[in-house]
Amino acid sequence: MKKNQALADLSVQIALFDKQHAEIYDLLETLKRAVNKGTPLTEMFYGIDMLIDKALFHFKSEEEPMLKYNYDG
């Protein structure tokens, strides 16, 4: 899937969250390229750690307003 289409599919029409989606997408694509090139796992740890940190931050960022406004979706 192309980046623009993937990001459009993920869009929640909130600029902050859409930006975070794009950052996570880029990290995943970078890791995918590294795997496809046969990069040793030990060389990918930094990228994996960044992805985990970004994902945790992102989910917490989304969760706070959902709880605040009693979002049930």
PDB file of N, CA and C in Angstrom:
ATOM      1  N   MET A   1       0.835  -1.173   0.000  1.00  0.00           N
ATOM      2  CA  MET A   1       0.000   0.000   0.000  1.00  0.00           C
ATOM      3  C   MET A   1       0.887   1.245   0.000  1.00  0.00           C
ATOM      4  N   LYS A   2       0.504   2.218  -0.759  1.00  0.00           N
ATOM      5  CA  LYS A   2       1.254   3.470  -0.830  1.00  0.00           C
ATOM      6  C   LYS A   2       1.046   4.276   0.446  1.00  0.00           C
ATOM      7  N   LYS A   3       2.078   5.060   0.797  1.00  0.00           N
ATOM      8  CA  LYS A   3       2.040   5.827   2.038  1.00  0.00           C
ATOM      9  C   LYS A   3       0.826   6.750   2.107  1.00  0.00           C
ATOM     10  N   ASN A   4       0.580   7.520   1.055  1.00  0.00           N
ATOM     11  CA  ASN A   4      -0.530   8.473   1.098  1.00  0.00           C
ATOM     12  C   ASN A   4      -1.868   7.786   1.332  1.00  0.00           C
ATOM     13  N   GLN A   5      -2.075   6.649   0.678  1.00  0.00           N
ATOM     14  CA  GLN A   5      -3.338   5.922   0.863  1.00  0.00           C
ATOM     15  C   GLN A   5      -3.419   5.345   2.269  1.00  0.00           C
ATOM     16  N   ALA A   6      -2.316   4.801   2.758  1.00  0.00           N
ATOM     17  CA  ALA A   6      -2.296   4.228   4.110  1.00  0.00           C
ATOM     18  C   ALA A   6      -2.610   5.303   5.137  1.00  0.00           C
ATOM     19  N   LEU A   7      -1.998   6.474   4.987  1.00  0.00           N
ATOM     20  CA  LEU A   7      -2.233   7.555   5.943  1.00  0.00           C
ATOM     21  C   LEU A   7      -3.654   8.102   5.831  1.00  0.00           C
ATOM     22  N   ALA A   8      -4.191   8.130   4.635  1.00  0.00           N
ATOM     23  CA  ALA A   8      -5.591   8.552   4.468  1.00  0.00           C
ATOM     24  C   ALA A   8      -6.524   7.573   5.175  1.00  0.00           C
ATOM     25  N   ASP A   9      -6.210   6.287   5.067  1.00  0.00           N
ATOM     26  CA  ASP A   9      -7.025   5.268   5.733  1.00  0.00           C
ATOM     27  C   ASP A   9      -6.941   5.374   7.254  1.00  0.00           C
ATOM     28  N   LEU A  10      -5.794   5.826   7.754  1.00  0.00           N
ATOM     29  CA  LEU A  10      -5.589   5.942   9.196  1.00  0.00           C
ATOM     30  C   LEU A  10      -6.045   7.284   9.759  1.00  0.00           C
ATOM     31  N   SER A  11      -6.363   8.216   8.904  1.00  0.00           N
ATOM     32  CA  SER A  11      -6.668   9.578   9.346  1.00  0.00           C
ATOM     33  C   SER A  11      -7.872   9.607  10.280  1.00  0.00           C
ATOM     34  N   VAL A  12      -7.697  10.381  11.353  1.00  0.00           N
ATOM     35  CA  VAL A  12      -8.790  10.625  12.293  1.00  0.00           C
ATOM     36  C   VAL A  12      -9.196  12.102  12.262  1.00  0.00           C
ATOM     37  N   GLN A  13      -8.629  12.840  11.299  1.00  0.00           N
ATOM     38  CA  GLN A  13      -8.927  14.269  11.107  1.00  0.00           C
ATOM     39  C   GLN A  13      -8.533  15.118  12.314  1.00  0.00           C
ATOM     40  N   ILE A  14      -7.544  14.646  13.060  1.00  0.00           N
ATOM     41  CA  ILE A  14      -6.944  15.412  14.156  1.00  0.00           C
ATOM     42  C   ILE A  14      -5.462  15.476  13.826  1.00  0.00           C
ATOM     43  N   ALA A  15      -4.975  16.678  13.549  1.00  0.00           N
ATOM     44  CA  ALA A  15      -3.623  16.854  13.014  1.00  0.00           C
ATOM     45  C   ALA A  15      -2.553  16.172  13.868  1.00  0.00           C
ATOM     46  N   LEU A  16      -2.631  16.313  15.168  1.00  0.00           N
ATOM     47  CA  LEU A  16      -1.623  15.703  16.042  1.00  0.00           C
ATOM     48  C   LEU A  16      -1.582  14.191  15.873  1.00  0.00           C
ATOM     49  N   PHE A  17      -2.737  13.557  15.877  1.00  0.00           N
ATOM     50  CA  PHE A  17      -2.777  12.099  15.754  1.00  0.00           C
ATOM     51  C   PHE A  17      -2.396  11.647  14.354  1.00  0.00           C
ATOM     52  N   ASP A  18      -2.813  12.388  13.352  1.00  0.00           N
ATOM     53  CA  ASP A  18      -2.432  12.038  11.985  1.00  0.00           C
ATOM     54  C   ASP A  18      -0.919  12.154  11.799  1.00  0.00           C
ATOM     55  N   LYS A  19      -0.308  13.150  12.438  1.00  0.00           N
ATOM     56  CA  LYS A  19       1.153  13.292  12.381  1.00  0.00           C
ATOM     57  C   LYS A  19       1.825  12.102  13.070  1.00  0.00           C
ATOM     58  N   GLN A  20       1.292  11.691  14.196  1.00  0.00           N
ATOM     59  CA  GLN A  20       1.846  10.534  14.894  1.00  0.00           C
ATOM     60  C   GLN A  20       1.691   9.268  14.051  1.00  0.00           C
ATOM     61  N   HIS A  21       0.558   9.126  13.374  1.00  0.00           N
ATOM     62  CA  HIS A  21       0.366   7.973  12.487  1.00  0.00           C
ATOM     63  C   HIS A  21       1.441   7.956  11.402  1.00  0.00           C
ATOM     64  N   ALA A  22       1.735   9.128  10.838  1.00  0.00           N
ATOM     65  CA  ALA A  22       2.752   9.216   9.788  1.00  0.00           C
ATOM     66  C   ALA A  22       4.132   8.840  10.327  1.00  0.00           C
ATOM     67  N   GLU A  23       4.456   9.282  11.533  1.00  0.00           N
ATOM     68  CA  GLU A  23       5.753   8.950  12.130  1.00  0.00           C
ATOM     69  C   GLU A  23       5.872   7.450  12.374  1.00  0.00           C
ATOM     70  N   ILE A  24       4.818   6.841  12.872  1.00  0.00           N
ATOM     71  CA  ILE A  24       4.826   5.391  13.116  1.00  0.00           C
ATOM     72  C   ILE A  24       4.931   4.642  11.791  1.00  0.00           C
ATOM     73  N   TYR A  25       4.199   5.104  10.791  1.00  0.00           N
ATOM     74  CA  TYR A  25       4.268   4.490   9.461  1.00  0.00           C
ATOM     75  C   TYR A  25       5.703   4.533   8.929  1.00  0.00           C
ATOM     76  N   ASP A  26       6.347   5.691   9.057  1.00  0.00           N
ATOM     77  CA  ASP A  26       7.722   5.830   8.569  1.00  0.00           C
ATOM     78  C   ASP A  26       8.677   4.899   9.314  1.00  0.00           C
ATOM     79  N   LEU A  27       8.515   4.774  10.616  1.00  0.00           N
ATOM     80  CA  LEU A  27       9.364   3.855  11.386  1.00  0.00           C
ATOM     81  C   LEU A  27       9.149   2.409  10.938  1.00  0.00           C
ATOM     82  N   LEU A  28       7.905   2.037  10.725  1.00  0.00           N
ATOM     83  CA  LEU A  28       7.613   0.677  10.252  1.00  0.00           C
ATOM     84  C   LEU A  28       8.220   0.421   8.880  1.00  0.00           C
ATOM     85  N   GLU A  29       8.121   1.396   7.992  1.00  0.00           N
ATOM     86  CA  GLU A  29       8.708   1.245   6.657  1.00  0.00           C
ATOM     87  C   GLU A  29      10.228   1.126   6.732  1.00  0.00           C
ATOM     88  N   THR A  30      10.843   1.898   7.604  1.00  0.00           N
ATOM     89  CA  THR A  30      12.296   1.822   7.784  1.00  0.00           C
ATOM     90  C   THR A  30      12.698   0.442   8.282  1.00  0.00           C
ATOM     91  N   LEU A  31      11.964  -0.075   9.256  1.00  0.00           N
ATOM     92  CA  LEU A  31      12.266  -1.417   9.769  1.00  0.00           C
ATOM     93  C   LEU A  31      12.010  -2.484   8.711  1.00  0.00           C
ATOM     94  N   LYS A  32      10.962  -2.313   7.924  1.00  0.00           N
ATOM     95  CA  LYS A  32      10.672  -3.274   6.856  1.00  0.00           C
ATOM     96  C   LYS A  32      11.816  -3.322   5.846  1.00  0.00           C
ATOM     97  N   ARG A  33      12.335  -2.139   5.478  1.00  0.00           N
ATOM     98  CA  ARG A  33      13.467  -2.108   4.544  1.00  0.00           C
ATOM     99  C   ARG A  33      14.695  -2.784   5.152  1.00  0.00           C
ATOM    100  N   ALA A  34      14.921  -2.552   6.435  1.00  0.00           N
ATOM    101  CA  ALA A  34      16.069  -3.168   7.106  1.00  0.00           C
ATOM    102  C   ALA A  34      15.937  -4.684   7.119  1.00  0.00           C
ATOM    103  N   VAL A  35      14.758  -5.187   7.395  1.00  0.00           N
ATOM    104  CA  VAL A  35      14.525  -6.638   7.393  1.00  0.00           C
ATOM    105  C   VAL A  35      14.746  -7.191   5.990  1.00  0.00           C
ATOM    106  N   ASN A  36      14.197  -6.511   4.981  1.00  0.00           N
ATOM    107  CA  ASN A  36      14.331  -6.978   3.601  1.00  0.00           C
ATOM    108  C   ASN A  36      15.784  -6.989   3.126  1.00  0.00           C
ATOM    109  N   LYS A  37      16.611  -6.088   3.675  1.00  0.00           N
ATOM    110  CA  LYS A  37      18.036  -6.058   3.328  1.00  0.00           C
ATOM    111  C   LYS A  37      18.838  -7.083   4.110  1.00  0.00           C
ATOM    112  N   GLY A  38      18.202  -7.727   5.089  1.00  0.00           N
ATOM    113  CA  GLY A  38      18.921  -8.710   5.888  1.00  0.00           C
ATOM    114  C   GLY A  38      19.734  -8.094   7.013  1.00  0.00           C
ATOM    115  N   THR A  39      19.365  -6.902   7.427  1.00  0.00           N
ATOM    116  CA  THR A  39      20.074  -6.235   8.514  1.00  0.00           C
ATOM    117  C   THR A  39      19.972  -7.088   9.779  1.00  0.00           C
ATOM    118  N   PRO A  40      21.090  -7.319  10.459  1.00  0.00           N
ATOM    119  CA  PRO A  40      21.031  -8.098  11.698  1.00  0.00           C
ATOM    120  C   PRO A  40      20.116  -7.427  12.732  1.00  0.00           C
ATOM    121  N   LEU A  41      19.423  -8.250  13.471  1.00  0.00           N
ATOM    122  CA  LEU A  41      18.490  -7.757  14.472  1.00  0.00           C
ATOM    123  C   LEU A  41      19.163  -6.808  15.451  1.00  0.00           C
ATOM    124  N   THR A  42      20.384  -7.101  15.832  1.00  0.00           N
ATOM    125  CA  THR A  42      21.074  -6.241  16.796  1.00  0.00           C
ATOM    126  C   THR A  42      21.249  -4.824  16.274  1.00  0.00           C
ATOM    127  N   GLU A  43      21.307  -4.661  14.955  1.00  0.00           N
ATOM    128  CA  GLU A  43      21.430  -3.332  14.359  1.00  0.00           C
ATOM    129  C   GLU A  43      20.078  -2.627  14.237  1.00  0.00           C
ATOM    130  N   MET A  44      18.991  -3.375  14.445  1.00  0.00           N
ATOM    131  CA  MET A  44      17.656  -2.788  14.342  1.00  0.00           C
ATOM    132  C   MET A  44      17.059  -2.457  15.704  1.00  0.00           C
ATOM    133  N   PHE A  45      17.743  -2.780  16.776  1.00  0.00           N
ATOM    134  CA  PHE A  45      17.191  -2.552  18.112  1.00  0.00           C
ATOM    135  C   PHE A  45      16.793  -1.101  18.347  1.00  0.00           C
ATOM    136  N   TYR A  46      17.614  -0.159  17.913  1.00  0.00           N
ATOM    137  CA  TYR A  46      17.303   1.256  18.120  1.00  0.00           C
ATOM    138  C   TYR A  46      15.979   1.621  17.445  1.00  0.00           C
ATOM    139  N   GLY A  47      15.805   1.186  16.203  1.00  0.00           N
ATOM    140  CA  GLY A  47      14.562   1.460  15.485  1.00  0.00           C
ATOM    141  C   GLY A  47      13.363   0.793  16.129  1.00  0.00           C
ATOM    142  N   ILE A  48      13.566  -0.416  16.625  1.00  0.00           N
ATOM    143  CA  ILE A  48      12.483  -1.124  17.309  1.00  0.00           C
ATOM    144  C   ILE A  48      12.110  -0.390  18.597  1.00  0.00           C
ATOM    145  N   ASP A  49      13.115   0.038  19.338  1.00  0.00           N
ATOM    146  CA  ASP A  49      12.860   0.801  20.564  1.00  0.00           C
ATOM    147  C   ASP A  49      12.119   2.111  20.253  1.00  0.00           C
ATOM    148  N   MET A  50      12.527   2.788  19.185  1.00  0.00           N
ATOM    149  CA  MET A  50      11.852   4.027  18.797  1.00  0.00           C
ATOM    150  C   MET A  50      10.383   3.756  18.454  1.00  0.00           C
ATOM    151  N   LEU A  51      10.146   2.674  17.730  1.00  0.00           N
ATOM    152  CA  LEU A  51       8.781   2.321  17.352  1.00  0.00           C
ATOM    153  C   LEU A  51       7.933   2.043  18.586  1.00  0.00           C
ATOM    154  N   ILE A  52       8.465   1.290  19.514  1.00  0.00           N
ATOM    155  CA  ILE A  52       7.724   0.987  20.750  1.00  0.00           C
ATOM    156  C   ILE A  52       7.419   2.269  21.514  1.00  0.00           C
ATOM    157  N   ASP A  53       8.421   3.132  21.671  1.00  0.00           N
ATOM    158  CA  ASP A  53       8.217   4.391  22.394  1.00  0.00           C
ATOM    159  C   ASP A  53       7.165   5.263  21.713  1.00  0.00           C
ATOM    160  N   LYS A  54       7.254   5.380  20.388  1.00  0.00           N
ATOM    161  CA  LYS A  54       6.284   6.198  19.638  1.00  0.00           C
ATOM    162  C   LYS A  54       4.870   5.627  19.766  1.00  0.00           C
ATOM    163  N   ALA A  55       4.762   4.304  19.657  1.00  0.00           N
ATOM    164  CA  ALA A  55       3.441   3.672  19.739  1.00  0.00           C
ATOM    165  C   ALA A  55       2.834   3.862  21.129  1.00  0.00           C
ATOM    166  N   LEU A  56       3.623   3.661  22.163  1.00  0.00           N
ATOM    167  CA  LEU A  56       3.112   3.844  23.525  1.00  0.00           C
ATOM    168  C   LEU A  56       2.663   5.287  23.748  1.00  0.00           C
ATOM    169  N   PHE A  57       3.494   6.239  23.320  1.00  0.00           N
ATOM    170  CA  PHE A  57       3.145   7.652  23.454  1.00  0.00           C
ATOM    171  C   PHE A  57       1.873   7.972  22.667  1.00  0.00           C
ATOM    172  N   HIS A  58       1.794   7.452  21.459  1.00  0.00           N
ATOM    173  CA  HIS A  58       0.635   7.701  20.598  1.00  0.00           C
ATOM    174  C   HIS A  58      -0.652   7.170  21.231  1.00  0.00           C
ATOM    175  N   PHE A  59      -0.626   5.931  21.698  1.00  0.00           N
ATOM    176  CA  PHE A  59      -1.841   5.355  22.271  1.00  0.00           C
ATOM    177  C   PHE A  59      -2.266   6.105  23.534  1.00  0.00           C
ATOM    178  N   LYS A  60      -1.296   6.534  24.324  1.00  0.00           N
ATOM    179  CA  LYS A  60      -1.622   7.333  25.506  1.00  0.00           C
ATOM    180  C   LYS A  60      -2.214   8.682  25.080  1.00  0.00           C
ATOM    181  N   SER A  61      -1.652   9.281  24.037  1.00  0.00           N
ATOM    182  CA  SER A  61      -2.161  10.556  23.529  1.00  0.00           C
ATOM    183  C   SER A  61      -3.603  10.429  23.053  1.00  0.00           C
ATOM    184  N   GLU A  62      -3.921   9.327  22.399  1.00  0.00           N
ATOM    185  CA  GLU A  62      -5.289   9.119  21.914  1.00  0.00           C
ATOM    186  C   GLU A  62      -6.236   8.773  23.055  1.00  0.00           C
ATOM    187  N   GLU A  63      -5.739   8.015  24.002  1.00  0.00           N
ATOM    188  CA  GLU A  63      -6.593   7.528  25.087  1.00  0.00           C
ATOM    189  C   GLU A  63      -7.087   8.662  25.992  1.00  0.00           C
ATOM    190  N   GLU A  64      -6.225   9.624  26.276  1.00  0.00           N
ATOM    191  CA  GLU A  64      -6.598  10.698  27.203  1.00  0.00           C
ATOM    192  C   GLU A  64      -7.851  11.465  26.760  1.00  0.00           C
ATOM    193  N   PRO A  65      -7.919  11.965  25.518  1.00  0.00           N
ATOM    194  CA  PRO A  65      -9.159  12.662  25.134  1.00  0.00           C
ATOM    195  C   PRO A  65     -10.355  11.714  25.011  1.00  0.00           C
ATOM    196  N   MET A  66     -10.102  10.467  24.649  1.00  0.00           N
ATOM    197  CA  MET A  66     -11.208   9.510  24.570  1.00  0.00           C
ATOM    198  C   MET A  66     -11.861   9.335  25.937  1.00  0.00           C
ATOM    199  N   LEU A  67     -11.043   9.215  26.961  1.00  0.00           N
ATOM    200  CA  LEU A  67     -11.574   9.083  28.316  1.00  0.00           C
ATOM    201  C   LEU A  67     -12.242  10.382  28.766  1.00  0.00           C
ATOM    202  N   LYS A  68     -11.601  11.505  28.471  1.00  0.00           N
ATOM    203  CA  LYS A  68     -12.127  12.806  28.882  1.00  0.00           C
ATOM    204  C   LYS A  68     -13.516  13.058  28.312  1.00  0.00           C
ATOM    205  N   TYR A  69     -13.705  12.675  27.041  1.00  0.00           N
ATOM    206  CA  TYR A  69     -14.970  12.955  26.376  1.00  0.00           C
ATOM    207  C   TYR A  69     -15.878  11.725  26.264  1.00  0.00           C
ATOM    208  N   ASN A  70     -15.565  10.688  27.050  1.00  0.00           N
ATOM    209  CA  ASN A  70     -16.372   9.464  27.097  1.00  0.00           C
ATOM    210  C   ASN A  70     -16.632   8.856  25.728  1.00  0.00           C
ATOM    211  N   TYR A  71     -15.584   8.820  24.905  1.00  0.00           N
ATOM    212  CA  TYR A  71     -15.683   8.229  23.565  1.00  0.00           C
ATOM    213  C   TYR A  71     -15.898   6.726  23.709  1.00  0.00           C
ATOM    214  N   ASP A  72     -16.897   6.176  23.048  1.00  0.00           N
ATOM    215  CA  ASP A  72     -17.191   4.755  23.201  1.00  0.00           C
ATOM    216  C   ASP A  72     -16.861   3.923  21.973  1.00  0.00           C
ATOM    217  N   GLY A  73     -16.205   4.507  20.976  1.00  0.00           N
ATOM    218  CA  GLY A  73     -15.886   3.808  19.727  1.00  0.00           C
ATOM    219  C   GLY A  73     -14.669   3.040  19.872  1.00  0.00           C
TER     220      GLY A  73
END
